[in-house]
Structures are given as structure tokens and as C-alpha cells.
Amino acid sequence: MKSTVFIGLALACAAALYGQAPSQPGKVAVIYFQGAIVGTKDGQKAAADLDAKASPKRKELETKQNEVNTLQDQLTKGQNTLSDSAKNELYKSIELKKKSLQRDVEDAKEDFDQMQQKILQQLAQKMTAVIERYSRDHGYTMVVDVSSPQSPVLYASPTIDITKDIIELYDQASPAMSNPPSATPTGVSKPGAPVTPAKPATKPPAH
């Protein structure tokens, strides 16, 4: 989740509403923007879709990690039985596979982040429209996103938290809006928490 995106959207929403004549001057609400997105039906469906898309790549990375682990085990167990030449060949193979795995992990993360960001923007736009409508209908002067730990809000009464109301309103309005996104970047695990490359292999024996 890109918390700065949420904060920016919340501030933009507040700025848009600020110039309107409120029915109750100074009426303020808070919302957990990330939680609101995750709580919607669109968000839940998108999370499942994104996880399904990430699954094949996750399995591929796990397979490559297992190959590296297997070679490292061979090198470790063969320290006293393998020839220096065989050890060197194993070491080179491990290093090549580790570099390939690292590149694949980075590429997978980049692809996932791009999909995540695209869907986040779609969901955030729809959510912001719902917040604006709710704020006008209920006379709020400002709605502040408190999802981020860096939020300047130190305390907010639960009575002004409109997150649940916004989720319900979003789900009611969603069928009439554009088709929901196929994945969501909010509250979703990375592609299987991309596999962490194996620890450095045993250093090759000196000739």
C-alpha cells in the first residue's frame, strides 16, 4: 500500500469540499482509507484475483529456490569427498542460479507493484467519489484519512469514524459504477512473499 497516495487523495478530497458551504460549520470525520478499500466487495474480489495471478510466479520462484538449496546441500555434504574441480563446478552453478533467481524476484516484484498500483488508483477513484457524496449529504467540511501512522491526527473519537458507512455506501453504489477492478493492491500479500535468495554458497576451495 502506498500510504502517501491515500493521504494525498484524502487531502485532495478535503480541499475540494472545503470551499462548499457546510450545513454544520467545522464538521469533520475520519476514515481508514486502506481499511475501507479492503472491506468493499470490489476490494475483496480484487485481492483474490491478484493472489491468483501471482500464484504461478510464486511457484516458479519456489522451484528455483529449491534448486539452489539442493546444490548448496550437495556442496556442503561433499566437502570431504568431492574433488576440487567438482566443488568449483557446483559453486559456479550455484552462483549462476542465485543471480538468475534474484533477477526473477526483482522482476516479479516490479510487475506485481505495477498491477497493484494500477488497481489501487481505480479503487481509490471510486472510493473518493463515494466519500465526496457522503460528505456532501452529511454536511462534513473535511474528511481525514488516518490509515497512515504518519497521519497528523493524534486522537479522533470513534463517533466520527465513517469507514463502515463508506464501505456500505460503496458496495451499494458499486453495481451502478464501472466494472470493478480485477485485483487490489490493498491488504494483499506480495506474490507469495517473493522467495528470498539463498545464503551465499560455501567459498570454493583454493587450489
C-alpha atoms as a PDB file:
ATOM      1  CA  MET A   1       0.000   0.000   0.000  1.00  0.00           C
ATOM      2  CA  LYS A   2       1.244   3.351  -0.767  1.00  0.00           C
ATOM      3  CA  SER A   3       0.131   5.348   2.222  1.00  0.00           C
ATOM      4  CA  THR A   4       1.188   8.628   0.604  1.00  0.00           C
ATOM      5  CA  VAL A   5      -1.358   8.016  -2.167  1.00  0.00           C
ATOM      6  CA  PHE A   6      -4.120   7.611   0.381  1.00  0.00           C
ATOM      7  CA  ILE A   7      -3.087  10.744   2.264  1.00  0.00           C
ATOM      8  CA  GLY A   8      -2.890  12.724  -0.968  1.00  0.00           C
ATOM      9  CA  LEU A   9      -6.340  11.582  -2.025  1.00  0.00           C
ATOM     10  CA  ALA A  10      -7.790  12.414   1.363  1.00  0.00           C
ATOM     11  CA  LEU A  11      -6.284  15.893   1.306  1.00  0.00           C
ATOM     12  CA  ALA A  12      -7.480  16.455  -2.254  1.00  0.00           C
ATOM     13  CA  CYS A  13     -10.972  15.369  -1.239  1.00  0.00           C
ATOM     14  CA  ALA A  14     -10.870  17.693   1.745  1.00  0.00           C
ATOM     15  CA  ALA A  15      -9.664  20.572  -0.386  1.00  0.00           C
ATOM     16  CA  ALA A  16     -12.492  20.021  -2.866  1.00  0.00           C
ATOM     17  CA  LEU A  17     -15.046  20.058  -0.080  1.00  0.00           C
ATOM     18  CA  TYR A  18     -13.584  22.960   1.836  1.00  0.00           C
ATOM     19  CA  GLY A  19     -14.979  25.646  -0.417  1.00  0.00           C
ATOM     20  CA  GLN A  20     -18.552  24.375  -0.147  1.00  0.00           C
ATOM     21  CA  ALA A  21     -20.981  25.922   2.304  1.00  0.00           C
ATOM     22  CA  PRO A  22     -21.364  23.306   5.046  1.00  0.00           C
ATOM     23  CA  SER A  23     -24.651  22.713   6.794  1.00  0.00           C
ATOM     24  CA  GLN A  24     -22.712  22.364  10.055  1.00  0.00           C
ATOM     25  CA  PRO A  25     -19.532  24.504  10.045  1.00  0.00           C
ATOM     26  CA  GLY A  26     -16.450  22.649  11.169  1.00  0.00           C
ATOM     27  CA  LYS A  27     -17.957  19.170  10.956  1.00  0.00           C
ATOM     28  CA  VAL A  28     -15.068  16.727  10.488  1.00  0.00           C
ATOM     29  CA  ALA A  29     -14.862  12.958  10.013  1.00  0.00           C
ATOM     30  CA  VAL A  30     -12.047  10.449   9.815  1.00  0.00           C
ATOM     31  CA  ILE A  31     -11.713   7.344   7.668  1.00  0.00           C
ATOM     32  CA  TYR A  32      -9.312   4.429   7.461  1.00  0.00           C
ATOM     33  CA  PHE A  33      -8.985   4.634   3.702  1.00  0.00           C
ATOM     34  CA  GLN A  34      -6.993   1.423   3.314  1.00  0.00           C
ATOM     35  CA  GLY A  35      -9.397  -0.500   5.515  1.00  0.00           C
ATOM     36  CA  ALA A  36     -12.340   0.904   3.608  1.00  0.00           C
ATOM     37  CA  ILE A  37     -10.966  -0.351   0.297  1.00  0.00           C
ATOM     38  CA  VAL A  38     -10.155  -3.787   1.721  1.00  0.00           C
ATOM     39  CA  GLY A  39     -13.611  -4.012   3.241  1.00  0.00           C
ATOM     40  CA  THR A  40     -15.512  -3.470  -0.003  1.00  0.00           C
ATOM     41  CA  LYS A  41     -16.690  -6.320  -2.196  1.00  0.00           C
ATOM     42  CA  ASP A  42     -14.628  -4.919  -5.065  1.00  0.00           C
ATOM     43  CA  GLY A  43     -11.556  -4.901  -2.840  1.00  0.00           C
ATOM     44  CA  GLN A  44     -12.055  -8.455  -1.624  1.00  0.00           C
ATOM     45  CA  LYS A  45     -12.624  -9.788  -5.137  1.00  0.00           C
ATOM     46  CA  ALA A  46      -9.642  -7.902  -6.485  1.00  0.00           C
ATOM     47  CA  ALA A  47      -7.435  -9.247  -3.689  1.00  0.00           C
ATOM     48  CA  ALA A  48      -8.378 -12.818  -4.575  1.00  0.00           C
ATOM     49  CA  ASP A  49      -7.820 -12.185  -8.291  1.00  0.00           C
ATOM     50  CA  LEU A  50      -4.404 -10.656  -7.730  1.00  0.00           C
ATOM     51  CA  ASP A  51      -3.332 -13.530  -5.500  1.00  0.00           C
ATOM     52  CA  ALA A  52      -4.432 -15.998  -8.196  1.00  0.00           C
ATOM     53  CA  LYS A  53      -2.393 -14.129 -10.795  1.00  0.00           C
ATOM     54  CA  ALA A  54       0.669 -14.155  -8.541  1.00  0.00           C
ATOM     55  CA  SER A  55       0.442 -17.871  -7.725  1.00  0.00           C
ATOM     56  CA  PRO A  56       2.190 -19.278 -10.851  1.00  0.00           C
ATOM     57  CA  LYS A  57       5.142 -16.921 -10.455  1.00  0.00           C
ATOM     58  CA  ARG A  58       5.333 -17.715  -6.740  1.00  0.00           C
ATOM     59  CA  LYS A  59       5.581 -21.453  -7.500  1.00  0.00           C
ATOM     60  CA  GLU A  60       8.206 -20.805 -10.163  1.00  0.00           C
ATOM     61  CA  LEU A  61      10.371 -18.833  -7.744  1.00  0.00           C
ATOM     62  CA  GLU A  62       9.985 -21.503  -5.069  1.00  0.00           C
ATOM     63  CA  THR A  63      11.134 -24.157  -7.541  1.00  0.00           C
ATOM     64  CA  LYS A  64      14.232 -22.158  -8.443  1.00  0.00           C
ATOM     65  CA  GLN A  65      14.995 -21.547  -4.780  1.00  0.00           C
ATOM     66  CA  ASN A  66      14.761 -25.281  -4.109  1.00  0.00           C
ATOM     67  CA  GLU A  67      17.218 -25.943  -6.938  1.00  0.00           C
ATOM     68  CA  VAL A  68      19.718 -23.584  -5.329  1.00  0.00           C
ATOM     69  CA  ASN A  69      19.199 -25.201  -1.932  1.00  0.00           C
ATOM     70  CA  THR A  70      19.761 -28.663  -3.383  1.00  0.00           C
ATOM     71  CA  LEU A  71      23.060 -27.655  -4.980  1.00  0.00           C
ATOM     72  CA  GLN A  72      24.206 -25.982  -1.781  1.00  0.00           C
ATOM     73  CA  ASP A  73      23.451 -29.149   0.163  1.00  0.00           C
ATOM     74  CA  GLN A  74      25.488 -31.151  -2.349  1.00  0.00           C
ATOM     75  CA  LEU A  75      28.409 -28.776  -1.945  1.00  0.00           C
ATOM     76  CA  THR A  76      28.237 -28.847   1.830  1.00  0.00           C
ATOM     77  CA  LYS A  77      27.978 -32.627   2.091  1.00  0.00           C
ATOM     78  CA  GLY A  78      30.734 -33.141  -0.487  1.00  0.00           C
ATOM     79  CA  GLN A  79      33.353 -31.001   1.187  1.00  0.00           C
ATOM     80  CA  ASN A  80      35.379 -34.072   2.143  1.00  0.00           C
ATOM     81  CA  THR A  81      34.502 -36.332  -0.783  1.00  0.00           C
ATOM     82  CA  LEU A  82      34.292 -34.220  -3.934  1.00  0.00           C
ATOM     83  CA  SER A  83      37.305 -33.184  -5.949  1.00  0.00           C
ATOM     84  CA  ASP A  84      38.300 -29.540  -6.085  1.00  0.00           C
ATOM     85  CA  SER A  85      37.151 -29.426  -9.703  1.00  0.00           C
ATOM     86  CA  ALA A  86      33.705 -30.797  -8.824  1.00  0.00           C
ATOM     87  CA  LYS A  87      33.389 -28.346  -5.943  1.00  0.00           C
ATOM     88  CA  ASN A  88      34.262 -25.428  -8.181  1.00  0.00           C
ATOM     89  CA  GLU A  89      31.689 -26.508 -10.771  1.00  0.00           C
ATOM     90  CA  LEU A  90      28.999 -26.751  -8.100  1.00  0.00           C
ATOM     91  CA  TYR A  91      29.924 -23.349  -6.736  1.00  0.00           C
ATOM     92  CA  LYS A  92      29.738 -21.732 -10.181  1.00  0.00           C
ATOM     93  CA  SER A  93      26.367 -23.359 -10.862  1.00  0.00           C
ATOM     94  CA  ILE A  94      25.028 -22.115  -7.519  1.00  0.00           C
ATOM     95  CA  GLU A  95      26.176 -18.568  -8.184  1.00  0.00           C
ATOM     96  CA  LEU A  96      24.594 -18.512 -11.652  1.00  0.00           C
ATOM     97  CA  LYS A  97      21.287 -19.851 -10.339  1.00  0.00           C
ATOM     98  CA  LYS A  98      21.291 -17.373  -7.448  1.00  0.00           C
ATOM     99  CA  LYS A  99      21.813 -14.432  -9.799  1.00  0.00           C
ATOM    100  CA  SER A 100      19.054 -15.658 -12.089  1.00  0.00           C
ATOM    101  CA  LEU A 101      16.729 -16.106  -9.108  1.00  0.00           C
ATOM    102  CA  GLN A 102      17.495 -12.624  -7.818  1.00  0.00           C
ATOM    103  CA  ARG A 103      16.656 -11.095 -11.196  1.00  0.00           C
ATOM    104  CA  ASP A 104      13.422 -13.073 -11.356  1.00  0.00           C
ATOM    105  CA  VAL A 105      12.424 -11.972  -7.843  1.00  0.00           C
ATOM    106  CA  GLU A 106      13.062  -8.316  -8.706  1.00  0.00           C
ATOM    107  CA  ASP A 107      11.136  -8.581 -11.981  1.00  0.00           C
ATOM    108  CA  ALA A 108       8.224 -10.306 -10.254  1.00  0.00           C
ATOM    109  CA  LYS A 109       8.086  -7.634  -7.568  1.00  0.00           C
ATOM    110  CA  GLU A 110       8.157  -4.856 -10.159  1.00  0.00           C
ATOM    111  CA  ASP A 111       5.351  -6.462 -12.178  1.00  0.00           C
ATOM    112  CA  PHE A 112       3.282  -7.053  -9.067  1.00  0.00           C
ATOM    113  CA  ASP A 113       3.778  -3.484  -7.838  1.00  0.00           C
ATOM    114  CA  GLN A 114       2.657  -2.110 -11.201  1.00  0.00           C
ATOM    115  CA  MET A 115      -0.517  -4.197 -11.172  1.00  0.00           C
ATOM    116  CA  GLN A 116      -1.108  -3.245  -7.577  1.00  0.00           C
ATOM    117  CA  GLN A 117      -0.689   0.462  -8.223  1.00  0.00           C
ATOM    118  CA  LYS A 118      -2.980   0.415 -11.251  1.00  0.00           C
ATOM    119  CA  ILE A 119      -5.781  -1.264  -9.345  1.00  0.00           C
ATOM    120  CA  LEU A 120      -5.213   0.961  -6.330  1.00  0.00           C
ATOM    121  CA  GLN A 121      -5.786   4.037  -8.454  1.00  0.00           C
ATOM    122  CA  GLN A 122      -9.018   2.618  -9.879  1.00  0.00           C
ATOM    123  CA  LEU A 123     -10.382   1.667  -6.476  1.00  0.00           C
ATOM    124  CA  ALA A 124      -9.241   4.921  -4.885  1.00  0.00           C
ATOM    125  CA  GLN A 125     -11.017   6.989  -7.529  1.00  0.00           C
ATOM    126  CA  LYS A 126     -14.282   5.160  -6.935  1.00  0.00           C
ATOM    127  CA  MET A 127     -13.847   5.348  -3.170  1.00  0.00           C
ATOM    128  CA  THR A 128     -13.099   9.074  -3.277  1.00  0.00           C
ATOM    129  CA  ALA A 129     -16.284   9.704  -5.270  1.00  0.00           C
ATOM    130  CA  VAL A 130     -18.284   7.858  -2.608  1.00  0.00           C
ATOM    131  CA  ILE A 131     -16.605   9.839   0.181  1.00  0.00           C
ATOM    132  CA  GLU A 132     -17.358  13.131  -1.558  1.00  0.00           C
ATOM    133  CA  ARG A 133     -21.014  12.231  -1.985  1.00  0.00           C
ATOM    134  CA  TYR A 134     -21.318  11.021   1.608  1.00  0.00           C
ATOM    135  CA  SER A 135     -19.626  14.184   2.888  1.00  0.00           C
ATOM    136  CA  ARG A 136     -21.965  16.475   0.955  1.00  0.00           C
ATOM    137  CA  ASP A 137     -25.028  14.551   2.095  1.00  0.00           C
ATOM    138  CA  HIS A 138     -23.981  14.657   5.746  1.00  0.00           C
ATOM    139  CA  GLY A 139     -22.564  18.176   5.823  1.00  0.00           C
ATOM    140  CA  TYR A 140     -18.930  17.330   6.502  1.00  0.00           C
ATOM    141  CA  THR A 141     -16.410  20.099   5.966  1.00  0.00           C
ATOM    142  CA  MET A 142     -13.424  17.737   5.935  1.00  0.00           C
ATOM    143  CA  VAL A 143     -12.699  14.023   5.877  1.00  0.00           C
ATOM    144  CA  VAL A 144      -9.221  12.996   7.032  1.00  0.00           C
ATOM    145  CA  ASP A 145      -7.523   9.708   6.178  1.00  0.00           C
ATOM    146  CA  VAL A 146      -5.984   8.190   9.317  1.00  0.00           C
ATOM    147  CA  SER A 147      -4.685   4.985   7.701  1.00  0.00           C
ATOM    148  CA  SER A 148      -1.065   6.043   7.896  1.00  0.00           C
ATOM    149  CA  PRO A 149       0.945   6.073  11.138  1.00  0.00           C
ATOM    150  CA  GLN A 150       2.285   9.417   9.896  1.00  0.00           C
ATOM    151  CA  SER A 151      -1.181  10.935   9.988  1.00  0.00           C
ATOM    152  CA  PRO A 152      -1.141  14.225  11.941  1.00  0.00           C
ATOM    153  CA  VAL A 153      -4.301  13.167  13.787  1.00  0.00           C
ATOM    154  CA  LEU A 154      -3.357  12.246  17.356  1.00  0.00           C
ATOM    155  CA  TYR A 155      -6.882  11.433  18.516  1.00  0.00           C
ATOM    156  CA  ALA A 156     -10.267  11.037  16.895  1.00  0.00           C
ATOM    157  CA  SER A 157     -13.474   9.973  18.574  1.00  0.00           C
ATOM    158  CA  PRO A 158     -14.929   6.700  17.240  1.00  0.00           C
ATOM    159  CA  THR A 159     -18.164   8.591  16.696  1.00  0.00           C
ATOM    160  CA  ILE A 160     -16.654  10.479  13.754  1.00  0.00           C
ATOM    161  CA  ASP A 161     -15.152   7.384  12.078  1.00  0.00           C
ATOM    162  CA  ILE A 162     -17.152   6.916   8.864  1.00  0.00           C
ATOM    163  CA  THR A 163     -15.194   3.941   7.498  1.00  0.00           C
ATOM    164  CA  LYS A 164     -18.026   1.427   7.957  1.00  0.00           C
ATOM    165  CA  ASP A 165     -20.595   3.788   6.457  1.00  0.00           C
ATOM    166  CA  ILE A 166     -18.394   4.402   3.430  1.00  0.00           C
ATOM    167  CA  ILE A 167     -17.893   0.663   2.834  1.00  0.00           C
ATOM    168  CA  GLU A 168     -21.647   0.098   2.901  1.00  0.00           C
ATOM    169  CA  LEU A 169     -22.315   3.052   0.623  1.00  0.00           C
ATOM    170  CA  TYR A 170     -19.575   1.952  -1.792  1.00  0.00           C
ATOM    171  CA  ASP A 171     -20.995  -1.564  -2.052  1.00  0.00           C
ATOM    172  CA  GLN A 172     -24.473  -0.169  -2.650  1.00  0.00           C
ATOM    173  CA  ALA A 173     -23.236   2.128  -5.403  1.00  0.00           C
ATOM    174  CA  SER A 174     -20.680  -0.218  -6.981  1.00  0.00           C
ATOM    175  CA  PRO A 175     -23.052  -2.150  -9.287  1.00  0.00           C
ATOM    176  CA  ALA A 176     -24.075   1.114 -10.914  1.00  0.00           C
ATOM    177  CA  MET A 177     -20.475   2.197 -11.436  1.00  0.00           C
ATOM    178  CA  SER A 178     -17.928   0.983 -13.939  1.00  0.00           C
ATOM    179  CA  ASN A 179     -16.831  -2.639 -13.841  1.00  0.00           C
ATOM    180  CA  PRO A 180     -14.871  -3.370 -10.671  1.00  0.00           C
ATOM    181  CA  PRO A 181     -11.115  -3.884 -10.985  1.00  0.00           C
ATOM    182  CA  SER A 182      -9.795  -7.415 -11.209  1.00  0.00           C
ATOM    183  CA  ALA A 183      -7.264  -7.024  -8.425  1.00  0.00           C
ATOM    184  CA  THR A 184      -6.498  -4.806  -5.497  1.00  0.00           C
ATOM    185  CA  PRO A 185      -3.267  -3.517  -4.096  1.00  0.00           C
ATOM    186  CA  THR A 186      -4.644  -3.152  -0.633  1.00  0.00           C
ATOM    187  CA  GLY A 187      -4.167  -5.726   2.068  1.00  0.00           C
ATOM    188  CA  VAL A 188      -2.766  -8.267  -0.356  1.00  0.00           C
ATOM    189  CA  SER A 189       0.314 -10.361   0.235  1.00  0.00           C
ATOM    190  CA  LYS A 190       3.100  -9.960  -2.265  1.00  0.00           C
ATOM    191  CA  PRO A 191       3.436 -12.796  -4.749  1.00  0.00           C
ATOM    192  CA  GLY A 192       3.910 -15.342  -2.058  1.00  0.00           C
ATOM    193  CA  ALA A 193       6.298 -13.019  -0.309  1.00  0.00           C
ATOM    194  CA  PRO A 194       8.849 -13.377  -3.120  1.00  0.00           C
ATOM    195  CA  VAL A 195      11.359 -16.062  -2.322  1.00  0.00           C
ATOM    196  CA  THR A 196      14.442 -14.784  -0.559  1.00  0.00           C
ATOM    197  CA  PRO A 197      17.587 -15.830  -2.403  1.00  0.00           C
ATOM    198  CA  ALA A 198      19.630 -18.480  -0.655  1.00  0.00           C
ATOM    199  CA  LYS A 199      22.538 -17.623   1.579  1.00  0.00           C
ATOM    200  CA  PRO A 200      25.955 -17.417  -0.126  1.00  0.00           C
ATOM    201  CA  ALA A 201      27.346 -20.762  -1.049  1.00  0.00           C
ATOM    202  CA  THR A 202      30.438 -22.181   0.561  1.00  0.00           C
ATOM    203  CA  LYS A 203      33.506 -20.483  -0.820  1.00  0.00           C
ATOM    204  CA  PRO A 204      35.338 -22.614  -3.428  1.00  0.00           C
ATOM    205  CA  PRO A 205      38.438 -24.403  -2.221  1.00  0.00           C
ATOM    206  CA  ALA A 206      41.762 -22.850  -3.018  1.00  0.00           C
ATOM    207  CA  HIS A 207      43.949 -24.707  -5.490  1.00  0.00           C
END
